[in-house]
C-alpha cells in the first residue's frame, strides 16, 4: 500500500505524463526485487522535443509540491531521460530506444501496475 506522500507524487507524475500525451505509459512495482526504487514509471515520447516536454512537466508539477529529483540524466540528448525521485524512477524514452533497452522485459519479475483511471 502506498503512503499518502508516495501516492501524491505517483499520481502527480502519472497525471503530468498523461496530460502531455506520453505514449505507452507503464508502471512496474519493483519494491520486492530491489532497494533502488519502489516503482519504475516508463513511457515514450515521439521526438526529443516531446521527451523534454514530458520531463519538464513532471519536474514542474512536482516542484510545485516542493519535490525535486535526486538526479536527472539524459536530458540534453533527450533519447532516454531518467528522473530519480528516490522511491519512484521515471524513464522517458524515445520509442526506438525504449524498444532497444526493453526495461519492461528486464524487470519482468516486477508487478505491472494497472492504470485504471487518470485523476
N, C-alpha and C. Protein backbone atom coordinates (compact mmCIF):
# COMPACT_ATOMS: atom_id res chain seq x y z
N UNK A 1 0.83 -1.18 0.00
CA UNK A 1 0.00 0.00 0.00
C UNK A 1 0.88 1.25 0.00
N UNK A 2 0.52 2.22 -0.83
CA UNK A 2 1.29 3.45 -0.96
C UNK A 2 1.06 4.38 0.23
N UNK A 3 2.12 4.99 0.73
CA UNK A 3 1.95 6.04 1.73
C UNK A 3 1.28 7.23 1.05
N UNK A 4 0.69 8.11 1.82
CA UNK A 4 0.00 9.27 1.25
C UNK A 4 0.98 10.11 0.44
N UNK A 5 2.16 10.35 0.99
CA UNK A 5 3.16 11.15 0.29
C UNK A 5 3.58 10.50 -1.02
N UNK A 6 3.84 9.21 -1.00
CA UNK A 6 4.24 8.49 -2.21
C UNK A 6 3.10 8.48 -3.22
N UNK A 7 1.87 8.26 -2.76
CA UNK A 7 0.72 8.24 -3.67
C UNK A 7 0.53 9.61 -4.33
N UNK A 8 0.74 10.67 -3.57
CA UNK A 8 0.59 12.01 -4.13
C UNK A 8 1.63 12.27 -5.23
N UNK A 9 2.87 11.88 -4.99
CA UNK A 9 3.92 12.04 -6.01
C UNK A 9 3.65 11.14 -7.22
N UNK A 10 3.25 9.91 -6.95
CA UNK A 10 2.93 8.95 -8.01
C UNK A 10 1.81 9.50 -8.90
N UNK A 11 0.71 9.94 -8.28
CA UNK A 11 -0.42 10.49 -9.05
C UNK A 11 -0.01 11.72 -9.84
N UNK A 12 0.80 12.56 -9.24
CA UNK A 12 1.27 13.78 -9.90
C UNK A 12 2.07 13.43 -11.16
N UNK A 13 2.95 12.46 -11.06
CA UNK A 13 3.76 12.03 -12.21
C UNK A 13 2.88 11.44 -13.29
N UNK A 14 2.00 10.52 -12.92
CA UNK A 14 1.12 9.87 -13.90
C UNK A 14 0.26 10.92 -14.62
N UNK A 15 -0.31 11.83 -13.87
CA UNK A 15 -1.17 12.86 -14.46
C UNK A 15 -0.38 13.80 -15.36
N UNK A 16 0.83 14.19 -14.96
CA UNK A 16 1.66 15.07 -15.78
C UNK A 16 1.99 14.40 -17.11
N UNK A 17 2.37 13.13 -17.05
CA UNK A 17 2.70 12.41 -18.29
C UNK A 17 1.47 12.24 -19.16
N UNK A 18 0.36 11.92 -18.56
CA UNK A 18 -0.88 11.76 -19.30
C UNK A 18 -1.29 13.08 -19.96
N UNK A 19 -1.20 14.18 -19.22
CA UNK A 19 -1.59 15.50 -19.74
C UNK A 19 -0.77 15.91 -20.96
N UNK A 20 0.49 15.50 -21.00
CA UNK A 20 1.37 15.86 -22.12
C UNK A 20 1.46 14.75 -23.16
N UNK A 21 0.51 13.83 -23.11
CA UNK A 21 0.36 12.79 -24.14
C UNK A 21 1.52 11.81 -24.25
N UNK A 22 2.03 11.36 -23.09
CA UNK A 22 3.05 10.31 -23.09
C UNK A 22 2.46 9.07 -23.76
N UNK A 23 3.29 8.37 -24.49
CA UNK A 23 2.84 7.16 -25.17
C UNK A 23 3.20 5.92 -24.36
N UNK A 24 2.32 4.94 -24.39
CA UNK A 24 2.56 3.63 -23.80
C UNK A 24 3.06 3.71 -22.35
N UNK A 25 2.30 4.40 -21.53
CA UNK A 25 2.64 4.62 -20.12
C UNK A 25 2.48 3.32 -19.34
N UNK A 26 3.56 2.92 -18.66
CA UNK A 26 3.56 1.69 -17.87
C UNK A 26 4.18 1.95 -16.50
N UNK A 27 3.71 1.20 -15.52
CA UNK A 27 4.28 1.29 -14.18
C UNK A 27 4.61 -0.13 -13.73
N UNK A 28 5.83 -0.28 -13.20
CA UNK A 28 6.27 -1.57 -12.68
C UNK A 28 6.61 -1.40 -11.20
N UNK A 29 5.98 -2.20 -10.36
CA UNK A 29 6.25 -2.23 -8.93
C UNK A 29 7.45 -3.15 -8.72
N UNK A 30 8.57 -2.58 -8.31
CA UNK A 30 9.80 -3.36 -8.14
C UNK A 30 10.26 -3.40 -6.69
N UNK A 31 9.42 -2.96 -5.77
CA UNK A 31 9.87 -2.83 -4.38
C UNK A 31 10.29 -4.15 -3.73
N UNK A 32 9.77 -5.26 -4.21
CA UNK A 32 10.16 -6.55 -3.63
C UNK A 32 11.40 -7.15 -4.31
N UNK A 33 11.87 -6.48 -5.38
CA UNK A 33 13.00 -7.00 -6.13
C UNK A 33 14.31 -6.29 -5.86
N UNK A 34 14.23 -5.03 -5.43
CA UNK A 34 15.43 -4.21 -5.30
C UNK A 34 15.20 -3.08 -4.30
N UNK A 35 16.28 -2.48 -3.89
CA UNK A 35 16.18 -1.32 -3.00
C UNK A 35 16.38 -0.01 -3.75
N UNK A 36 16.61 -0.06 -5.05
CA UNK A 36 16.88 1.18 -5.79
C UNK A 36 15.64 2.05 -5.95
N UNK A 37 14.47 1.45 -5.91
CA UNK A 37 13.21 2.20 -6.05
C UNK A 37 12.06 1.26 -5.75
N UNK A 38 10.88 1.85 -5.55
CA UNK A 38 9.67 1.05 -5.40
C UNK A 38 8.96 0.89 -6.74
N UNK A 39 9.02 1.95 -7.56
CA UNK A 39 8.31 1.95 -8.83
C UNK A 39 9.16 2.51 -9.94
N UNK A 40 9.06 1.88 -11.11
CA UNK A 40 9.55 2.45 -12.35
C UNK A 40 8.31 2.90 -13.12
N UNK A 41 8.32 4.14 -13.54
CA UNK A 41 7.29 4.64 -14.44
C UNK A 41 7.97 4.83 -15.78
N UNK A 42 7.45 4.17 -16.80
CA UNK A 42 8.09 4.14 -18.11
C UNK A 42 7.10 4.63 -19.16
N UNK A 43 7.58 5.50 -20.04
CA UNK A 43 6.74 5.96 -21.14
C UNK A 43 7.63 6.34 -22.31
N UNK A 44 6.99 6.68 -23.42
CA UNK A 44 7.71 7.09 -24.62
C UNK A 44 7.23 8.45 -25.07
N UNK A 45 8.14 9.15 -25.74
CA UNK A 45 7.82 10.38 -26.42
C UNK A 45 8.07 10.19 -27.91
N UNK A 46 7.46 11.03 -28.70
CA UNK A 46 7.54 10.86 -30.16
C UNK A 46 8.73 11.59 -30.79
N UNK A 47 9.38 12.47 -30.04
CA UNK A 47 10.53 13.23 -30.54
C UNK A 47 11.32 13.73 -29.35
N UNK A 48 12.50 14.26 -29.60
CA UNK A 48 13.29 14.80 -28.50
C UNK A 48 12.57 15.98 -27.85
N UNK A 49 11.87 16.76 -28.63
CA UNK A 49 11.10 17.88 -28.08
C UNK A 49 10.00 17.37 -27.16
N UNK A 50 9.28 16.33 -27.59
CA UNK A 50 8.22 15.75 -26.78
C UNK A 50 8.78 15.16 -25.49
N UNK A 51 9.92 14.50 -25.59
CA UNK A 51 10.55 13.89 -24.41
C UNK A 51 10.93 14.97 -23.40
N UNK A 52 11.50 16.06 -23.87
CA UNK A 52 11.85 17.17 -22.97
C UNK A 52 10.60 17.79 -22.36
N UNK A 53 9.54 17.91 -23.15
CA UNK A 53 8.28 18.45 -22.64
C UNK A 53 7.73 17.56 -21.53
N UNK A 54 7.76 16.25 -21.72
CA UNK A 54 7.29 15.32 -20.70
C UNK A 54 8.12 15.45 -19.43
N UNK A 55 9.42 15.49 -19.58
CA UNK A 55 10.32 15.63 -18.44
C UNK A 55 10.08 16.96 -17.72
N UNK A 56 9.98 18.03 -18.48
CA UNK A 56 9.75 19.35 -17.89
C UNK A 56 8.44 19.39 -17.11
N UNK A 57 7.41 18.77 -17.65
CA UNK A 57 6.09 18.77 -17.00
C UNK A 57 6.14 18.02 -15.67
N UNK A 58 6.77 16.86 -15.66
CA UNK A 58 6.90 16.09 -14.42
C UNK A 58 7.67 16.91 -13.38
N UNK A 59 8.80 17.46 -13.80
CA UNK A 59 9.59 18.25 -12.85
C UNK A 59 8.83 19.46 -12.33
N UNK A 60 8.14 20.17 -13.22
CA UNK A 60 7.39 21.36 -12.81
C UNK A 60 6.27 21.02 -11.83
N UNK A 61 5.49 19.99 -12.14
CA UNK A 61 4.36 19.62 -11.27
C UNK A 61 4.84 19.17 -9.90
N UNK A 62 5.95 18.46 -9.84
CA UNK A 62 6.47 18.03 -8.54
C UNK A 62 7.14 19.19 -7.81
N UNK A 63 7.78 20.08 -8.56
CA UNK A 63 8.39 21.25 -7.93
C UNK A 63 7.33 22.10 -7.23
N UNK A 64 6.12 22.16 -7.81
CA UNK A 64 5.01 22.88 -7.19
C UNK A 64 4.66 22.29 -5.83
N UNK A 65 5.02 21.04 -5.62
CA UNK A 65 4.79 20.35 -4.34
C UNK A 65 6.08 20.28 -3.51
N UNK A 66 7.06 21.11 -3.91
CA UNK A 66 8.36 21.16 -3.23
C UNK A 66 9.12 19.85 -3.27
N UNK A 67 8.99 19.14 -4.39
CA UNK A 67 9.71 17.88 -4.59
C UNK A 67 10.62 18.04 -5.80
N UNK A 68 11.90 17.84 -5.58
CA UNK A 68 12.88 17.92 -6.67
C UNK A 68 13.51 16.56 -6.89
N UNK A 69 13.92 16.27 -8.12
CA UNK A 69 14.56 14.97 -8.37
C UNK A 69 15.91 14.89 -7.67
N UNK A 70 16.24 13.70 -7.24
CA UNK A 70 17.57 13.47 -6.67
C UNK A 70 18.62 13.61 -7.76
N UNK A 71 18.24 13.21 -8.97
CA UNK A 71 19.09 13.41 -10.14
C UNK A 71 18.26 13.30 -11.40
N UNK A 72 18.82 13.88 -12.45
CA UNK A 72 18.21 13.84 -13.78
C UNK A 72 19.32 13.49 -14.76
N UNK A 73 19.07 12.51 -15.58
CA UNK A 73 20.06 12.05 -16.56
C UNK A 73 19.46 12.07 -17.95
N UNK A 74 20.28 12.36 -18.94
CA UNK A 74 19.88 12.21 -20.34
C UNK A 74 19.07 13.35 -20.94
N UNK A 75 18.89 14.42 -20.22
CA UNK A 75 18.02 15.50 -20.71
C UNK A 75 18.57 16.15 -21.97
N UNK A 76 19.87 16.37 -22.04
CA UNK A 76 20.44 17.07 -23.19
C UNK A 76 20.25 16.31 -24.49
N UNK A 77 20.47 15.01 -24.47
CA UNK A 77 20.27 14.22 -25.70
C UNK A 77 18.81 13.86 -25.91
N UNK A 78 18.06 13.79 -24.82
CA UNK A 78 16.61 13.51 -24.84
C UNK A 78 16.24 12.26 -25.63
N UNK A 79 17.05 11.23 -25.49
CA UNK A 79 16.70 9.93 -26.07
C UNK A 79 16.16 9.01 -24.97
N UNK A 80 16.69 9.18 -23.75
CA UNK A 80 16.24 8.44 -22.58
C UNK A 80 16.49 9.36 -21.38
N UNK A 81 15.44 9.97 -20.89
CA UNK A 81 15.56 10.84 -19.73
C UNK A 81 15.16 10.04 -18.50
N UNK A 82 16.00 10.10 -17.48
CA UNK A 82 15.72 9.42 -16.22
C UNK A 82 15.57 10.49 -15.14
N UNK A 83 14.44 10.45 -14.44
CA UNK A 83 14.19 11.34 -13.31
C UNK A 83 14.09 10.48 -12.07
N UNK A 84 15.04 10.65 -11.16
CA UNK A 84 15.10 9.82 -9.96
C UNK A 84 14.52 10.59 -8.78
N UNK A 85 13.37 10.10 -8.30
CA UNK A 85 12.72 10.69 -7.13
C UNK A 85 12.83 9.76 -5.93
N UNK A 86 13.87 8.97 -5.89
CA UNK A 86 14.09 8.06 -4.76
C UNK A 86 13.27 6.80 -4.89
N UNK A 87 12.06 6.81 -4.39
CA UNK A 87 11.23 5.61 -4.46
C UNK A 87 10.50 5.46 -5.79
N UNK A 88 10.52 6.51 -6.61
CA UNK A 88 9.94 6.45 -7.96
C UNK A 88 10.99 6.92 -8.95
N UNK A 89 11.25 6.11 -9.96
CA UNK A 89 12.17 6.49 -11.03
C UNK A 89 11.36 6.54 -12.32
N UNK A 90 11.43 7.70 -12.98
CA UNK A 90 10.69 7.92 -14.22
C UNK A 90 11.66 7.76 -15.38
N UNK A 91 11.28 6.92 -16.35
CA UNK A 91 12.07 6.70 -17.56
C UNK A 91 11.23 7.20 -18.74
N UNK A 92 11.75 8.19 -19.45
CA UNK A 92 11.05 8.72 -20.62
C UNK A 92 11.95 8.44 -21.83
N UNK A 93 11.48 7.57 -22.70
CA UNK A 93 12.28 7.09 -23.82
C UNK A 93 11.81 7.64 -25.15
N UNK A 94 12.76 7.73 -26.07
CA UNK A 94 12.40 7.82 -27.49
C UNK A 94 11.96 6.41 -27.85
N UNK A 95 10.98 6.29 -28.72
CA UNK A 95 10.37 4.98 -28.98
C UNK A 95 11.38 3.89 -29.37
N UNK A 96 12.35 4.22 -30.25
CA UNK A 96 13.32 3.20 -30.68
C UNK A 96 14.23 2.78 -29.52
N UNK A 97 14.62 3.74 -28.71
CA UNK A 97 15.49 3.41 -27.58
C UNK A 97 14.75 2.56 -26.54
N UNK A 98 13.50 2.84 -26.36
CA UNK A 98 12.71 2.03 -25.42
C UNK A 98 12.64 0.59 -25.89
N UNK A 99 12.42 0.41 -27.16
CA UNK A 99 12.36 -0.94 -27.71
C UNK A 99 13.72 -1.64 -27.55
N UNK A 100 14.79 -0.91 -27.78
CA UNK A 100 16.13 -1.48 -27.69
C UNK A 100 16.48 -1.89 -26.26
N UNK A 101 16.26 -1.00 -25.30
CA UNK A 101 16.63 -1.28 -23.91
C UNK A 101 15.63 -2.17 -23.19
N UNK A 102 14.37 -2.12 -23.58
CA UNK A 102 13.33 -3.03 -23.13
C UNK A 102 13.32 -3.26 -21.61
N UNK A 103 13.20 -2.16 -20.87
CA UNK A 103 13.18 -2.27 -19.40
C UNK A 103 12.05 -3.15 -18.89
N UNK A 104 10.92 -3.12 -19.59
CA UNK A 104 9.80 -3.96 -19.17
C UNK A 104 10.20 -5.43 -19.13
N UNK A 105 11.02 -5.85 -20.09
CA UNK A 105 11.48 -7.23 -20.10
C UNK A 105 12.52 -7.47 -19.01
N UNK A 106 13.46 -6.52 -18.85
CA UNK A 106 14.50 -6.67 -17.83
C UNK A 106 13.91 -6.77 -16.43
N UNK A 107 12.78 -6.07 -16.21
CA UNK A 107 12.14 -6.05 -14.89
C UNK A 107 10.83 -6.83 -14.91
N UNK A 108 10.76 -7.87 -15.73
CA UNK A 108 9.53 -8.65 -15.88
C UNK A 108 9.11 -9.36 -14.59
N UNK A 109 10.02 -9.52 -13.65
CA UNK A 109 9.65 -10.13 -12.37
C UNK A 109 8.92 -9.15 -11.47
N UNK A 110 8.94 -7.87 -11.84
CA UNK A 110 8.18 -6.86 -11.10
C UNK A 110 6.70 -7.00 -11.41
N UNK A 111 5.90 -6.35 -10.60
CA UNK A 111 4.45 -6.42 -10.77
C UNK A 111 3.98 -5.23 -11.61
N UNK A 112 3.30 -5.51 -12.72
CA UNK A 112 2.75 -4.45 -13.55
C UNK A 112 1.56 -3.83 -12.83
N UNK A 113 1.59 -2.51 -12.71
CA UNK A 113 0.51 -1.79 -12.05
C UNK A 113 -0.50 -1.37 -13.11
N UNK A 114 -1.75 -1.70 -12.89
CA UNK A 114 -2.81 -1.36 -13.82
C UNK A 114 -3.20 0.10 -13.61
N UNK A 115 -3.13 0.86 -14.69
CA UNK A 115 -3.53 2.27 -14.64
C UNK A 115 -5.00 2.34 -15.08
N UNK A 116 -5.90 2.17 -14.12
CA UNK A 116 -7.31 2.10 -14.47
C UNK A 116 -7.95 3.47 -14.72
N UNK A 117 -7.46 4.48 -14.05
CA UNK A 117 -8.03 5.81 -14.30
C UNK A 117 -6.99 6.88 -13.99
N UNK A 118 -7.10 7.96 -14.72
CA UNK A 118 -6.22 9.09 -14.50
C UNK A 118 -7.01 10.13 -13.74
N UNK A 119 -6.46 10.61 -12.62
CA UNK A 119 -7.16 11.59 -11.78
C UNK A 119 -7.24 12.93 -12.46
